[in-house]
Amino acid sequence: MMGNVWEWMESPHNSSYFPSANRRRRGGSYYPYVPNDALSLSSSYSSYYGSPDDETFLAGFRVASVPEPATLLLFGLGGLMLRRKR
């Protein structure tokens, strides 16, 4: 998945496993982090870490949708009703 902006990972980055405010960025873009390095264009590339307060035009976020519990309940009830009809 090329062309994504780098995005912050939720888990902290700390090689000693102690709490840290630093986070890792992962992802790629058409602007390589390391010049002439195709690896930095891949979505699994993860080399930069720092504070989530850092700003750059290369870092972004991904909008995700998480279904509400009520939605899952309605799907379950609908499935039960279909099963009862048969």
Protein backbone atom coordinates (compact mmCIF):
# COMPACT_ATOMS: atom_id res chain seq x y z
CA MET A 1 0.00 0.00 0.00
CA MET A 2 2.13 2.83 -1.25
CA GLY A 3 1.31 6.46 -1.04
CA ASN A 4 0.02 6.59 2.52
CA VAL A 5 1.37 9.32 4.71
CA TRP A 6 3.27 8.15 7.76
CA GLU A 7 1.03 7.62 10.75
CA TRP A 8 1.74 7.39 14.46
CA MET A 9 1.50 3.98 16.07
CA GLU A 10 -0.49 3.81 19.31
CA SER A 11 2.01 1.73 21.26
CA PRO A 12 4.94 3.58 22.84
CA HIS A 13 8.45 3.18 21.51
CA ASN A 14 11.01 2.43 24.15
CA SER A 15 13.67 -0.23 23.80
CA SER A 16 13.82 -0.70 27.58
CA TYR A 17 10.03 -1.38 27.87
CA PHE A 18 9.55 1.42 30.40
CA PRO A 19 6.74 3.94 29.88
CA SER A 20 7.63 6.51 27.27
CA ALA A 21 5.95 9.43 25.53
CA ASN A 22 7.75 8.61 22.28
CA ARG A 23 5.86 6.82 19.52
CA ARG A 24 6.96 5.20 16.29
CA ARG A 25 5.74 6.29 12.88
CA ARG A 26 5.00 3.73 10.25
CA GLY A 27 3.88 3.75 6.69
CA GLY A 28 5.20 5.23 3.53
CA SER A 29 4.67 8.03 1.11
CA TYR A 30 5.95 9.08 -2.26
CA TYR A 31 8.52 11.14 -0.41
CA PRO A 32 11.16 8.68 0.86
CA TYR A 33 12.34 9.16 4.44
CA VAL A 34 15.77 7.95 3.35
CA PRO A 35 16.75 9.24 -0.11
CA ASN A 36 16.85 6.54 -2.81
CA ASP A 37 15.47 3.92 -0.40
CA ALA A 38 12.49 2.03 -1.83
CA LEU A 39 11.87 0.32 1.53
CA SER A 40 10.80 3.62 3.07
CA LEU A 41 7.91 3.71 0.57
CA SER A 42 6.31 0.53 1.95
CA SER A 43 3.41 0.59 4.41
CA SER A 44 5.30 -1.58 6.90
CA TYR A 45 8.31 0.73 7.07
CA SER A 46 8.93 1.96 10.60
CA SER A 47 12.09 3.84 11.42
CA TYR A 48 11.26 7.25 12.83
CA TYR A 49 10.24 7.74 16.43
CA GLY A 50 9.57 10.81 18.48
CA SER A 51 6.88 12.78 20.21
CA PRO A 52 3.35 12.60 18.78
CA ASP A 53 3.36 16.40 19.06
CA ASP A 54 5.89 16.60 16.21
CA GLU A 55 4.35 18.10 13.08
CA THR A 56 5.29 17.51 9.47
CA PHE A 57 3.40 17.50 6.19
CA LEU A 58 4.35 13.82 5.79
CA ALA A 59 2.58 12.48 8.90
CA GLY A 60 -1.15 11.96 8.99
CA PHE A 61 -3.83 9.76 10.41
CA ARG A 62 -6.18 7.09 9.12
CA VAL A 63 -9.89 7.33 9.79
CA ALA A 64 -11.28 4.02 11.03
CA SER A 65 -14.84 2.99 11.68
CA VAL A 66 -15.69 0.84 14.66
CA PRO A 67 -19.25 -0.48 14.85
CA GLU A 68 -21.18 0.44 17.96
CA PRO A 69 -22.36 -2.43 20.19
CA ALA A 70 -25.98 -1.60 19.35
CA THR A 71 -25.27 -2.24 15.66
CA LEU A 72 -23.92 -5.70 16.44
CA LEU A 73 -26.97 -6.40 18.61
CA LEU A 74 -29.31 -5.46 15.75
CA PHE A 75 -27.46 -7.78 13.36
CA GLY A 76 -27.72 -10.59 15.91
CA LEU A 77 -31.45 -10.02 16.43
CA GLY A 78 -31.99 -9.91 12.68
CA GLY A 79 -30.20 -13.24 12.32
CA LEU A 80 -32.37 -14.77 15.05
CA MET A 81 -35.54 -13.52 13.36
CA LEU A 82 -34.48 -15.00 10.03
CA ARG A 83 -33.71 -18.29 11.72
CA ARG A 84 -37.12 -18.37 13.46
CA LYS A 85 -38.91 -17.78 10.12
CA ARG A 86 -37.55 -21.01 8.68
